[in-house]
């Protein structure tokens, strides 16, 4: 049996996006579940990162960040990811 692989992807979970989905037509909950299932069943090692933790997170350890509902992200999220 081999050891666990290092997570190379982060699934960004956003509580504010879930709240926003109640007032618009974006089904954020479905998108999050679909992304989670795709990464899980594709056997891609990943971690769940809270959007609120992104400004202080060490994002360089990930090859990819998955935002299921980027259009619902907070204004301060994208500048934190660009750094």
Protein backbone atom coordinates (compact mmCIF):
# COMPACT_ATOMS: atom_id res chain seq x y z
CA UNK A 1 0.00 0.00 0.00
CA UNK A 2 1.36 3.41 -0.94
CA UNK A 3 1.35 6.49 1.27
CA UNK A 4 -1.06 9.34 0.89
CA UNK A 5 -0.27 11.84 -1.83
CA UNK A 6 0.16 15.51 -1.03
CA UNK A 7 -3.00 17.52 -1.80
CA UNK A 8 -2.29 19.52 -4.94
CA UNK A 9 -5.72 21.10 -5.20
CA UNK A 10 -7.87 23.18 -2.91
CA UNK A 11 -11.65 23.31 -3.09
CA UNK A 12 -12.65 26.76 -1.88
CA UNK A 13 -15.78 26.63 0.25
CA UNK A 14 -17.61 29.90 0.73
CA UNK A 15 -20.35 30.36 3.30
CA UNK A 16 -21.17 33.78 1.82
CA UNK A 17 -21.62 32.21 -1.63
CA UNK A 18 -24.11 29.77 -0.17
CA UNK A 19 -26.06 32.67 1.34
CA UNK A 20 -25.95 34.60 -1.94
CA UNK A 21 -27.30 31.62 -3.83
CA UNK A 22 -30.57 32.03 -1.96
CA UNK A 23 -31.09 35.44 -3.57
CA UNK A 24 -29.90 34.71 -7.11
CA UNK A 25 -30.17 31.92 -9.62
CA UNK A 26 -26.77 30.32 -8.96
CA UNK A 27 -27.06 26.88 -7.37
CA UNK A 28 -23.88 27.09 -5.31
CA UNK A 29 -24.66 24.06 -3.18
CA UNK A 30 -24.97 21.87 -6.29
CA UNK A 31 -21.72 23.24 -7.72
CA UNK A 32 -19.83 22.55 -4.49
CA UNK A 33 -21.16 19.00 -4.33
CA UNK A 34 -20.33 18.39 -8.01
CA UNK A 35 -16.75 19.68 -7.61
CA UNK A 36 -16.28 17.67 -4.42
CA UNK A 37 -17.60 14.50 -6.05
CA UNK A 38 -15.50 14.98 -9.18
CA UNK A 39 -12.29 15.38 -7.22
CA UNK A 40 -13.13 12.59 -4.80
CA UNK A 41 -14.15 10.00 -7.41
CA UNK A 42 -11.31 11.09 -9.72
CA UNK A 43 -8.99 10.30 -6.80
CA UNK A 44 -7.39 13.74 -6.89
CA UNK A 45 -5.99 14.60 -3.45
CA UNK A 46 -7.43 17.90 -2.28
CA UNK A 47 -8.14 19.98 0.77
CA UNK A 48 -11.14 22.16 1.53
CA UNK A 49 -10.15 25.76 2.21
CA UNK A 50 -12.60 28.28 3.60
CA UNK A 51 -12.87 31.48 1.60
CA UNK A 52 -12.59 33.43 4.84
CA UNK A 53 -9.15 31.84 5.46
CA UNK A 54 -7.71 32.65 2.02
CA UNK A 55 -6.02 35.96 2.92
CA UNK A 56 -3.78 34.21 5.49
CA UNK A 57 -3.49 30.81 3.79
CA UNK A 58 -0.34 29.47 2.12
CA UNK A 59 -1.76 28.98 -1.35
CA UNK A 60 1.57 28.30 -3.07
CA UNK A 61 1.41 24.68 -1.94
CA UNK A 62 -1.52 24.08 -4.31
CA UNK A 63 -1.26 23.63 -8.07
CA UNK A 64 -4.90 24.61 -8.53
CA UNK A 65 -7.67 26.35 -6.60
CA UNK A 66 -11.21 25.29 -7.44
CA UNK A 67 -13.89 27.94 -6.95
CA UNK A 68 -17.32 26.38 -7.56
CA UNK A 69 -18.97 29.84 -7.59
CA UNK A 70 -16.33 32.48 -8.26
CA UNK A 71 -18.97 35.00 -9.30
CA UNK A 72 -20.28 34.96 -5.72
CA UNK A 73 -16.88 35.44 -4.07
CA UNK A 74 -16.21 38.29 -1.67
CA UNK A 75 -14.41 41.35 -3.07
CA UNK A 76 -11.29 40.70 -0.97
CA UNK A 77 -10.98 37.08 -2.10
CA UNK A 78 -9.55 37.59 -5.59
CA UNK A 79 -6.77 40.00 -4.55
CA UNK A 80 -5.75 37.48 -1.86
CA UNK A 81 -5.51 34.74 -4.49
CA UNK A 82 -3.48 36.88 -6.92
CA UNK A 83 -0.69 37.37 -4.34
